[in-house]
Every structure is written in C-alpha cells, then in structure tokens.
Amino acid sequence: MASVLDSVDSRTQLVGQNRFELLLFRLKGNQRFGINVFKVREVLPCPELRKLPGMHSFVRGVAQVREQTISIIDMSAAIGGEPLDDTSTGFVIITEYNRLTQGFVVEGVERIINMNWEDIMPPPKGVRTSYLTAVTEIDNELVEILDVEKLLNEISPISGEISDEVIKEVQAANLSETGFQILLADDSKVALQQAKSCLEPLGVEVITVNNGREALEYLIKIARESPVAACKVIPVVISDVEMPEMDGYTLTSELHRRPELTGIKVILHTSLSGMFNQAMVKKVGADGFIAKFSPDELAKTVSDLLLDAKNSLTM
C-alpha cells in the first residue's frame, strides 16, 4: 500500500501531460470506483478526526493535514450507501475541486491505472445512481466514476448567480440580437446547470452536451448545414477538461485542426484549479481557462468574446 500512496503523491504533479490516470478505490463492498489523479493532492491513512458543531451528516469530522484544517467526507454515505463502520482503518483521498480542498474517507485504495479518455464511457442507459458520471472496464470489472461536483454541491451548495454589476455590463452589450449560440460541454449535470444559469443574462441560446465528442459532432453538423461560417453561429465553446469519450484538450485540438471550425473560441472551464498547468492551455490553443466556479468571471469572459464576434460581423 505504501507504494500506491507514494505514487499518488508524485503523479499528482503530472497535470499537462497528454494522458489520464485513474486512482482506484473501494467504499463498502467489492465495487470499485475511480477518481482522476489530477484532482488528488495526496492519499494517507485516515488521521484522527475531530467533530465540530453543525457539521453536515456526511462529514465525519475535520483533520489537520499539512497545517490545513480539512473536512473529511464519508463518500459511501454521501452517495446514498452505508457509512463506513470505522474510519480509523480507512484512507483519506485529499482532493481539490472548485478551488476548495476536501478529503474523502474510503475503505481502501488500490492502484493507479493509465488510461485513454476514449476508454471512459457515459453511464449505460437505465443505470439509476444519480452520482454516476462515467464508467470504464478494468480487469473485466465495471469501475464507476462519480460526479464529485454533484456530491459536493449537495453538501455545500455553490451559487450560480452573477452580480448585479456584471448583469448590467453583459446586458448592455445587446447580445440577444446577434442570434449567437454558446456550446457548453460538461459531463456533470450540476456543473452544466450552474454554468447555463450564469450565462442566461447574456441573452443568447446555450446548447449543452455531455462530452467533447458530442460537442465536436454538434459543431461539425452546424458547419455542414449553416449557410455562414460555424464561428458566426457558435463563436464560443465552454468545455470541461475531464469528460468521457473525448476530453476538453482533445476537443480544443480538433477545433483548431478542422478548417470548417476555424475562429471558434474555446474556454476551458474546469475544477482542476490549483494543480492546473497553464502550459497545456497554450499547447492545445485554448483561448482561456476559468477555474470552477466563478459566475462573474465566466459570464464576463464569455460576454467579451461574444462582443468581439458581434463587432467582427459589422466590419
């Protein structure tokens, strides 16, 4: 187990490399789950937990880790399962989502698997767990990848509202008259809804898809059917980085590779905040990076790009 923990700690620095690594873990029972190593700061045996008044029922306590006080969430309980019987024998996965640090206590941590995003698929139709965002197969077993953003939002909801000042600014741009669409790609239902809500004041239609492949197929369809260039229909794409089938990096590269999609701006919108490698944004040619979740920053950035596209139509 020590080698697994050591490898997690070292590989969390690999953000920006063109690969995907999945940390496998178990809750209660034999079902295996996975989490992207890029979101993991470290894994450690569960430290002593201290209860605080008013804690959410899924939070087993707080721990002092690297001189930082971190809430430790029982992931099994949070997704509707049985709470872990004894946290002292478990392990804590310290993660960073949406600029916040939190720990998830799990029953056991196994190993890291190098994978391609093409091997990560959306959940099969008919699967009823609302926390499942993707699946993959490892050693002839189904591995479930959870919608951690949904889980965290239920414990500590994030507001998707933008400030009155930014609302006035974006509405002054009169973008509703352009007929533009915004394409929004994210495999998390919560993230899609949050981003869509904060973009509504712009007055343009927001199209949502669940991964990069769906986004690319939609853009290719627009390019084939529209009498004008695709960038004049959809000037801006907002994409998560981590998505099944095709990630945000690959989507961005594909947009730049295809002549019919030239001119479309891409904003990478991801919870890979503190560990994110800005060099990767430049490498794939993205036009910006916004860490989740900053409604004002997202609305203002997209509004500015749409205003540039609007002005270019009149030139």
Protein backbone atom coordinates (compact mmCIF):
# COMPACT_ATOMS: atom_id res chain seq x y z
CA MET A 1 0.00 0.00 0.00
CA ALA A 2 2.87 2.39 0.74
CA SER A 3 3.96 2.26 -2.91
CA VAL A 4 0.45 3.20 -4.03
CA LEU A 5 0.36 6.17 -1.70
CA ASP A 6 3.82 7.33 -2.80
CA SER A 7 2.89 7.07 -6.48
CA VAL A 8 -0.29 9.07 -5.96
CA ASP A 9 1.64 11.86 -4.28
CA SER A 10 4.18 12.07 -7.11
CA ARG A 11 1.79 11.68 -10.02
CA THR A 12 -0.49 14.50 -8.92
CA GLN A 13 2.16 16.78 -10.45
CA LEU A 14 1.57 15.38 -13.96
CA VAL A 15 -1.13 17.87 -14.98
CA GLY A 16 -0.44 18.93 -18.55
CA GLN A 17 0.86 15.55 -19.74
CA ASN A 18 -1.22 14.08 -22.53
CA ARG A 19 -2.66 11.19 -20.58
CA PHE A 20 -5.25 10.30 -18.00
CA GLU A 21 -4.63 8.43 -14.76
CA LEU A 22 -7.32 6.87 -12.61
CA LEU A 23 -6.93 6.12 -8.91
CA LEU A 24 -8.96 3.04 -7.99
CA PHE A 25 -10.59 2.76 -4.57
CA ARG A 26 -13.37 0.91 -2.77
CA LEU A 27 -16.09 2.09 -0.43
CA LYS A 28 -18.09 -0.69 1.27
CA GLY A 29 -18.20 -3.92 -0.69
CA ASN A 30 -16.41 -5.10 -3.79
CA GLN A 31 -17.48 -2.37 -6.23
CA ARG A 32 -14.51 -0.35 -7.47
CA PHE A 33 -14.62 3.39 -8.08
CA GLY A 34 -12.20 5.78 -9.78
CA ILE A 35 -11.06 9.37 -9.43
CA ASN A 36 -8.77 11.37 -11.69
CA VAL A 37 -5.30 11.58 -10.16
CA PHE A 38 -5.04 15.19 -11.38
CA LYS A 39 -7.56 16.13 -8.68
CA VAL A 40 -5.76 14.25 -5.92
CA ARG A 41 -3.25 16.04 -3.72
CA GLU A 42 -2.34 13.02 -1.65
CA VAL A 43 -3.64 9.82 -0.09
CA LEU A 44 -2.99 8.94 3.54
CA PRO A 45 -4.26 6.65 6.28
CA CYS A 46 -7.23 8.32 7.91
CA PRO A 47 -5.93 10.68 10.60
CA GLU A 48 -7.69 11.38 13.87
CA LEU A 49 -10.95 13.19 13.15
CA ARG A 50 -12.43 15.90 15.31
CA LYS A 51 -16.15 16.66 15.39
CA LEU A 52 -17.36 20.25 15.13
CA PRO A 53 -20.85 21.61 15.88
CA GLY A 54 -23.15 22.00 12.88
CA MET A 55 -21.27 19.67 10.54
CA HIS A 56 -23.16 18.08 7.66
CA SER A 57 -24.18 14.50 8.39
CA PHE A 58 -21.87 13.19 5.63
CA VAL A 59 -18.84 14.91 7.15
CA ARG A 60 -17.22 12.53 9.63
CA GLY A 61 -15.01 15.24 11.10
CA VAL A 62 -12.12 17.56 10.37
CA ALA A 63 -8.44 16.71 10.28
CA GLN A 64 -5.24 18.69 10.36
CA VAL A 65 -3.30 17.87 7.19
CA ARG A 66 -0.14 19.80 6.24
CA GLU A 67 -1.11 22.60 8.65
CA GLN A 68 -4.52 22.90 6.97
CA THR A 69 -7.87 22.03 8.55
CA ILE A 70 -9.80 19.87 6.07
CA SER A 71 -13.32 18.46 6.19
CA ILE A 72 -13.38 14.69 5.77
CA ILE A 73 -16.44 13.39 3.90
CA ASP A 74 -17.72 9.83 4.07
CA MET A 75 -18.06 9.18 0.34
CA SER A 76 -20.05 5.99 0.82
CA ALA A 77 -22.71 7.76 2.87
CA ALA A 78 -22.69 10.79 0.56
CA ILE A 79 -23.74 8.73 -2.48
CA GLY A 80 -26.54 7.03 -0.59
CA GLY A 81 -24.72 3.97 0.74
CA GLU A 82 -23.95 2.76 4.24
CA PRO A 83 -21.49 4.89 6.23
CA LEU A 84 -18.07 3.38 6.80
CA ASP A 85 -18.02 1.42 10.04
CA ASP A 86 -14.59 2.53 11.24
CA THR A 87 -12.85 5.48 9.63
CA SER A 88 -9.67 4.82 11.58
CA THR A 89 -8.92 1.80 9.37
CA GLY A 90 -9.73 3.65 6.13
CA PHE A 91 -7.82 6.01 3.89
CA VAL A 92 -8.41 9.65 3.04
CA ILE A 93 -8.14 10.95 -0.53
CA ILE A 94 -7.29 14.65 -0.31
CA THR A 95 -8.70 16.43 -3.37
CA GLU A 96 -9.09 19.89 -4.81
CA TYR A 97 -12.34 20.83 -6.54
CA ASN A 98 -13.55 24.30 -7.43
CA ARG A 99 -10.67 25.98 -5.58
CA LEU A 100 -11.55 24.16 -2.35
CA THR A 101 -9.73 21.33 -0.59
CA GLN A 102 -11.57 18.43 0.98
CA GLY A 103 -10.93 14.82 1.92
CA PHE A 104 -12.94 11.69 1.18
CA VAL A 105 -12.61 8.76 3.54
CA VAL A 106 -12.81 5.41 1.74
CA GLU A 107 -12.41 1.81 2.82
CA GLY A 108 -9.42 1.02 0.64
CA VAL A 109 -7.16 2.41 -2.08
CA GLU A 110 -5.81 0.05 -4.74
CA ARG A 111 -3.63 1.41 -7.55
CA ILE A 112 -3.31 3.87 -10.42
CA ILE A 113 -4.23 2.93 -13.99
CA ASN A 114 -3.02 4.79 -17.09
CA MET A 115 -5.96 5.18 -19.48
CA ASN A 116 -7.19 6.97 -22.58
CA TRP A 117 -10.29 9.11 -22.32
CA GLU A 118 -11.75 7.04 -25.17
CA ASP A 119 -11.97 4.16 -22.69
CA ILE A 120 -14.13 6.21 -20.33
CA MET A 121 -17.79 5.98 -21.33
CA PRO A 122 -21.03 7.63 -20.22
CA PRO A 123 -23.14 5.52 -17.83
CA PRO A 124 -25.29 2.85 -19.51
CA LYS A 125 -28.91 3.83 -20.02
CA GLY A 126 -31.12 2.63 -17.22
CA VAL A 127 -28.49 2.99 -14.50
CA ARG A 128 -30.24 4.71 -11.61
CA THR A 129 -27.44 6.10 -9.50
CA SER A 130 -27.63 9.87 -9.77
CA TYR A 131 -23.98 10.25 -8.75
CA LEU A 132 -22.54 8.22 -11.62
CA THR A 133 -20.91 10.34 -14.33
CA ALA A 134 -18.92 7.73 -16.27
CA VAL A 135 -17.83 4.09 -16.31
CA THR A 136 -14.93 2.05 -17.58
CA GLU A 137 -13.85 -1.58 -17.55
CA ILE A 138 -10.70 -2.74 -15.76
CA ASP A 139 -9.76 -6.40 -15.21
CA ASN A 140 -13.17 -7.40 -16.63
CA GLU A 141 -14.89 -5.41 -13.90
CA LEU A 142 -17.01 -2.26 -14.19
CA VAL A 143 -15.42 0.73 -12.49
CA GLU A 144 -17.71 3.63 -11.59
CA ILE A 145 -16.58 7.26 -11.80
CA LEU A 146 -18.63 9.51 -9.57
CA ASP A 147 -19.95 13.02 -10.13
CA VAL A 148 -17.99 14.55 -7.27
CA GLU A 149 -19.15 18.06 -8.17
CA LYS A 150 -22.78 17.00 -7.63
CA LEU A 151 -21.86 15.36 -4.33
CA LEU A 152 -20.04 18.44 -3.06
CA ASN A 153 -22.79 20.77 -4.23
CA GLU A 154 -25.32 18.87 -2.12
CA ILE A 155 -23.13 19.17 0.96
CA SER A 156 -22.15 22.80 0.38
CA PRO A 157 -24.16 24.38 -2.48
CA ILE A 158 -22.39 26.80 -4.82
CA SER A 159 -24.31 29.83 -6.05
CA GLY A 160 -24.52 30.20 -9.82
CA GLU A 161 -25.79 33.78 -9.67
CA ILE A 162 -23.76 36.60 -11.14
CA SER A 163 -23.56 40.03 -9.53
CA ASP A 164 -25.89 42.89 -10.46
CA GLU A 165 -22.90 44.85 -11.74
CA VAL A 166 -21.90 42.13 -14.20
CA ILE A 167 -25.53 41.59 -15.24
CA LYS A 168 -25.80 45.25 -16.22
CA GLU A 169 -22.50 45.08 -18.09
CA VAL A 170 -23.32 41.98 -20.13
CA GLN A 171 -26.85 43.11 -20.91
CA ALA A 172 -25.52 46.45 -22.16
CA ALA A 173 -23.73 44.52 -24.92
CA ASN A 174 -27.13 43.70 -26.52
CA LEU A 175 -26.02 40.20 -27.47
CA SER A 176 -29.56 38.84 -27.77
CA GLU A 177 -29.91 40.47 -31.17
CA THR A 178 -26.99 38.51 -32.63
CA GLY A 179 -28.67 35.09 -32.76
CA PHE A 180 -25.46 33.54 -31.41
CA GLN A 181 -25.36 30.21 -29.63
CA ILE A 182 -22.95 29.15 -26.89
CA LEU A 183 -21.94 25.50 -26.74
CA LEU A 184 -21.36 24.16 -23.23
CA ALA A 185 -19.74 20.72 -22.71
CA ASP A 186 -19.55 19.05 -19.31
CA ASP A 187 -20.27 15.54 -18.03
CA SER A 188 -21.52 16.81 -14.67
CA LYS A 189 -25.23 17.68 -14.63
CA VAL A 190 -24.68 20.06 -11.74
CA ALA A 191 -21.84 21.88 -13.50
CA LEU A 192 -23.90 22.17 -16.69
CA GLN A 193 -26.83 23.69 -14.81
CA GLN A 194 -24.62 26.09 -12.84
CA ALA A 195 -22.83 27.36 -15.94
CA LYS A 196 -26.02 27.61 -18.00
CA SER A 197 -27.75 29.63 -15.29
CA CYS A 198 -24.97 32.19 -15.04
CA LEU A 199 -24.90 32.61 -18.84
CA GLU A 200 -28.63 33.22 -19.25
CA PRO A 201 -28.35 37.01 -18.62
CA LEU A 202 -26.29 37.27 -21.82
CA GLY A 203 -29.50 36.70 -23.77
CA VAL A 204 -28.12 34.06 -26.15
CA GLU A 205 -29.08 30.42 -26.55
CA VAL A 206 -26.97 27.95 -24.56
CA ILE A 207 -26.64 24.45 -26.04
CA THR A 208 -25.47 21.74 -23.61
CA VAL A 209 -23.73 18.44 -24.37
CA ASN A 210 -22.19 15.82 -22.11
CA ASN A 211 -18.68 15.39 -23.53
CA GLY A 212 -16.19 16.58 -26.11
CA ARG A 213 -17.26 14.08 -28.77
CA GLU A 214 -20.86 15.29 -28.63
CA ALA A 215 -19.61 18.88 -28.82
CA LEU A 216 -17.46 18.16 -31.88
CA GLU A 217 -20.30 16.32 -33.64
CA TYR A 218 -22.66 19.24 -32.99
CA LEU A 219 -20.17 21.76 -34.36
CA ILE A 220 -19.49 19.67 -37.47
CA LYS A 221 -23.26 19.46 -38.05
CA ILE A 222 -23.56 23.26 -37.78
CA ALA A 223 -20.65 23.72 -40.20
CA ARG A 224 -22.31 21.43 -42.76
CA GLU A 225 -25.81 22.86 -42.51
CA SER A 226 -25.28 26.57 -41.87
CA PRO A 227 -25.07 29.00 -44.80
CA VAL A 228 -22.49 31.00 -42.84
CA ALA A 229 -19.28 30.00 -41.09
CA ALA A 230 -19.72 27.94 -37.92
CA CYS A 231 -17.90 30.59 -35.87
CA LYS A 232 -20.67 33.05 -36.76
CA VAL A 233 -23.28 30.71 -35.32
CA ILE A 234 -21.33 29.47 -32.30
CA PRO A 235 -18.49 31.90 -31.58
CA VAL A 236 -17.67 30.40 -28.15
CA VAL A 237 -17.37 26.89 -26.75
CA ILE A 238 -17.04 26.36 -22.99
CA SER A 239 -15.61 22.96 -22.19
CA ASP A 240 -14.79 20.97 -19.10
CA VAL A 241 -11.41 19.23 -19.28
CA GLU A 242 -12.35 15.82 -17.88
CA MET A 243 -15.09 14.12 -19.89
CA PRO A 244 -15.76 10.58 -21.13
CA GLU A 245 -15.02 9.67 -24.75
CA MET A 246 -13.26 12.97 -25.57
CA ASP A 247 -11.74 15.42 -23.10
CA GLY A 248 -11.52 19.19 -23.38
CA TYR A 249 -7.90 19.16 -24.55
CA THR A 250 -8.70 16.88 -27.49
CA LEU A 251 -11.82 18.87 -28.36
CA THR A 252 -9.78 22.08 -28.47
CA SER A 253 -7.15 20.50 -30.69
CA GLU A 254 -9.83 19.14 -33.03
CA LEU A 255 -11.41 22.58 -33.41
CA HIS A 256 -8.08 24.07 -34.47
CA ARG A 257 -7.34 21.16 -36.79
CA ARG A 258 -10.57 21.43 -38.79
CA PRO A 259 -10.76 24.35 -41.26
CA GLU A 260 -14.56 24.48 -41.12
CA LEU A 261 -14.38 25.24 -37.37
CA THR A 262 -11.76 27.98 -37.61
CA GLY A 263 -12.48 31.05 -35.50
CA ILE A 264 -14.40 29.35 -32.71
CA LYS A 265 -13.05 30.43 -29.31
CA VAL A 266 -12.59 27.81 -26.59
CA ILE A 267 -12.72 28.42 -22.85
CA LEU A 268 -11.61 25.53 -20.65
CA HIS A 269 -13.82 25.53 -17.56
CA THR A 270 -12.57 23.03 -15.02
CA SER A 271 -12.33 22.18 -11.35
CA LEU A 272 -8.62 21.37 -11.85
CA SER A 273 -7.79 24.64 -10.15
CA GLY A 274 -4.60 24.84 -8.09
CA MET A 275 -2.88 21.99 -9.97
CA PHE A 276 -3.76 23.14 -13.46
CA ASN A 277 -0.88 23.54 -15.92
CA GLN A 278 -1.29 26.74 -17.94
CA ALA A 279 1.25 25.43 -20.45
CA MET A 280 -1.29 22.83 -21.56
CA VAL A 281 -3.83 25.56 -22.38
CA LYS A 282 -1.28 27.18 -24.69
CA LYS A 283 -0.24 23.84 -26.15
CA VAL A 284 -3.74 22.93 -27.33
CA GLY A 285 -4.57 26.51 -28.31
CA ALA A 286 -7.38 27.27 -25.87
CA ASP A 287 -8.38 30.91 -25.61
CA GLY A 288 -8.68 30.92 -21.86
CA PHE A 289 -9.00 29.00 -18.63
CA ILE A 290 -11.54 29.59 -15.87
CA ALA A 291 -11.48 27.54 -12.68
CA LYS A 292 -14.89 26.44 -11.45
CA PHE A 293 -16.91 28.06 -10.14
CA SER A 294 -16.71 31.83 -10.67
CA PRO A 295 -20.02 33.04 -12.17
CA ASP A 296 -18.92 36.65 -12.67
CA GLU A 297 -15.65 35.65 -14.33
CA LEU A 298 -17.35 33.15 -16.62
CA ALA A 299 -20.17 35.49 -17.68
CA LYS A 300 -17.82 38.44 -18.23
CA THR A 301 -15.26 36.42 -20.23
CA VAL A 302 -17.90 34.89 -22.50
CA SER A 303 -19.64 38.25 -22.93
CA ASP A 304 -16.39 39.89 -24.05
CA LEU A 305 -15.73 37.12 -26.60
CA LEU A 306 -19.28 37.36 -27.96
CA LEU A 307 -18.99 41.13 -28.19
CA ASP A 308 -15.81 40.73 -30.24
CA ALA A 309 -17.64 38.30 -32.51
CA LYS A 310 -20.54 40.73 -32.81
CA ASN A 311 -18.26 43.62 -33.73
CA SER A 312 -16.49 41.50 -36.35
CA LEU A 313 -19.82 40.97 -38.14
CA THR A 314 -20.14 44.70 -38.77
CA MET A 315 -16.59 45.20 -40.00
